[in-house]
Amino acid sequence: TPKGYEGCRECDARSCSYAARNHTTYTYRCYAGMTESITPLVIGNLVAGYLLLGHLFSYDNREDGWEKIRDYTRNLQVDYTALKKACWERPLTSKEYIFLPSELTCVWSEWSASIRTSFLSV
C-alpha cells in the first residue's frame, strides 16, 4: 500500500542515517515488525554505500512473531491472510545469523578503507 511503502522508505532513511552517523552496524525492527540490519560501507570518513539485510523473521517462535507483526501493522491496510502465509514461509532467523554478516562487512569496510588510504598516500 502507499502508506506501507512510505513507512518502509522513512524507516530505511532514518536507519541509514543513524548507521552512517555512527559508522556502525544498526540492527532494528522495521515499522512492520521485521528485523533489518544496515552496515555503512565507509572509506575514510565517506559513506560509500550500505549493506542491508532485511525482511528477516527474527523471533523466538512463529506465534509470538506473528502477534508482534500484527501489532506493528495494525494501522496499515493489510491482507492478514496473505501476510501470515508470507511470515510462515520465512525461516526463523537467529540474532547471531543477522549479526555475523553485518559485522564481517563492517570489518571488511574498515580494512578496505585502510588499504585504499595507504594506496592513495603512496
Protein backbone atom coordinates (compact mmCIF):
# COMPACT_ATOMS: atom_id res chain seq x y z
CA THR A 1 0.00 0.00 0.00
CA PRO A 2 1.16 3.61 -0.40
CA LYS A 3 1.16 4.05 3.39
CA GLY A 4 3.25 0.90 3.82
CA TYR A 5 5.70 1.98 1.11
CA GLU A 6 6.14 5.38 2.74
CA GLY A 7 6.65 3.79 6.18
CA CYS A 8 9.30 1.49 4.74
CA ARG A 9 11.09 4.31 2.93
CA GLU A 10 11.13 6.56 6.01
CA CYS A 11 12.31 3.72 8.27
CA ASP A 12 15.17 2.86 5.87
CA ALA A 13 16.20 6.52 5.55
CA ARG A 14 16.28 7.06 9.34
CA SER A 15 18.17 3.83 9.90
CA CYS A 16 20.75 4.50 7.16
CA SER A 17 21.29 7.96 8.61
CA TYR A 18 21.82 6.51 12.11
CA ALA A 19 24.27 3.86 10.83
CA ALA A 20 26.17 6.46 8.78
CA ARG A 21 26.46 8.95 11.66
CA ASN A 22 27.78 6.26 13.98
CA HIS A 23 29.86 4.36 11.38
CA THR A 24 28.49 1.11 12.77
CA THR A 25 26.04 -1.66 12.03
CA TYR A 26 22.50 -0.89 13.13
CA THR A 27 20.05 -3.77 13.65
CA TYR A 28 16.43 -2.93 14.41
CA ARG A 29 12.78 -3.84 13.96
CA CYS A 30 11.30 -2.06 10.97
CA TYR A 31 7.95 -0.28 11.04
CA ALA A 32 6.22 -3.57 10.07
CA GLY A 33 7.92 -5.74 12.70
CA MET A 34 10.55 -7.47 10.59
CA THR A 35 14.22 -7.36 11.57
CA GLU A 36 16.65 -5.43 9.41
CA SER A 37 20.34 -4.66 9.68
CA ILE A 38 22.27 -1.89 7.96
CA THR A 39 26.06 -1.65 7.75
CA PRO A 40 27.56 1.50 6.25
CA LEU A 41 30.44 0.92 3.83
CA VAL A 42 32.88 3.59 4.96
CA ILE A 43 36.01 4.77 3.13
CA GLY A 44 37.86 7.28 5.27
CA ASN A 45 35.05 9.49 6.54
CA LEU A 46 32.87 8.95 3.47
CA VAL A 47 29.93 6.55 3.49
CA ALA A 48 30.22 4.95 0.05
CA GLY A 49 27.17 2.72 0.38
CA TYR A 50 25.30 0.33 2.64
CA LEU A 51 24.80 -3.38 3.12
CA LEU A 52 21.17 -4.01 4.01
CA LEU A 53 19.86 -7.31 5.34
CA GLY A 54 16.13 -7.10 5.55
CA HIS A 55 12.72 -8.63 5.95
CA LEU A 56 14.04 -11.21 8.40
CA PHE A 57 11.61 -13.04 10.68
CA SER A 58 13.70 -12.92 13.86
CA TYR A 59 11.51 -14.03 16.75
CA ASP A 60 11.75 -16.83 19.30
CA ASN A 61 8.83 -18.64 17.65
CA ARG A 62 6.32 -18.11 14.86
CA GLU A 63 3.30 -17.48 17.06
CA ASP A 64 4.91 -14.68 19.11
CA GLY A 65 6.42 -13.19 15.97
CA TRP A 66 3.09 -13.22 14.17
CA GLU A 67 1.34 -11.49 17.09
CA LYS A 68 4.00 -8.76 17.15
CA ILE A 69 3.85 -8.25 13.39
CA ARG A 70 0.05 -7.95 13.57
CA ASP A 71 0.51 -5.31 16.27
CA TYR A 72 3.11 -3.40 14.22
CA THR A 73 0.86 -3.39 11.13
CA ARG A 74 -2.49 -2.67 12.80
CA ASN A 75 -2.69 0.83 11.22
CA LEU A 76 -1.93 -0.40 7.70
CA GLN A 77 -4.43 -1.83 5.24
CA VAL A 78 -3.04 -5.35 5.13
CA ASP A 79 -4.36 -8.67 3.86
CA TYR A 80 -3.59 -10.58 7.05
CA THR A 81 -4.20 -13.96 5.44
CA ALA A 82 -1.50 -13.28 2.82
CA LEU A 83 0.80 -11.64 5.38
CA LYS A 84 0.54 -14.58 7.77
CA LYS A 85 1.26 -17.01 4.93
CA ALA A 86 4.34 -14.96 3.96
CA CYS A 87 5.55 -14.87 7.58
CA TRP A 88 5.16 -18.63 7.93
CA GLU A 89 7.17 -19.15 4.72
CA ARG A 90 10.10 -17.14 6.06
CA PRO A 91 12.71 -19.01 8.06
CA LEU A 92 13.11 -18.17 11.74
CA THR A 93 16.34 -16.19 11.78
CA SER A 94 18.55 -16.02 14.86
CA LYS A 95 20.11 -12.77 16.05
CA GLU A 96 23.55 -14.36 15.58
CA TYR A 97 22.77 -15.06 11.91
CA ILE A 98 21.96 -11.39 11.41
CA PHE A 99 24.86 -10.07 13.48
CA LEU A 100 27.73 -12.05 11.91
CA PRO A 101 27.44 -11.00 8.23
CA SER A 102 26.91 -7.39 9.27
CA GLU A 103 29.98 -7.39 11.49
CA LEU A 104 32.09 -9.11 8.83
CA THR A 105 31.06 -6.42 6.36
CA CYS A 106 31.96 -3.72 8.88
CA VAL A 107 35.42 -5.27 9.34
CA TRP A 108 35.83 -5.61 5.57
CA SER A 109 34.80 -1.98 5.09
CA GLU A 110 37.38 -0.79 7.63
CA TRP A 111 40.12 -2.98 6.12
CA SER A 112 39.25 -1.91 2.58
CA ALA A 113 39.33 1.76 3.59
CA SER A 114 42.77 1.34 5.19
CA ILE A 115 44.12 -0.32 2.02
CA ARG A 116 42.72 2.44 -0.18
CA THR A 117 44.04 5.13 2.14
CA SER A 118 47.50 3.51 2.10
CA PHE A 119 47.41 3.23 -1.69
CA LEU A 120 46.36 6.86 -2.14
CA SER A 121 49.10 8.16 0.16
CA VAL A 122 51.89 6.46 -1.85
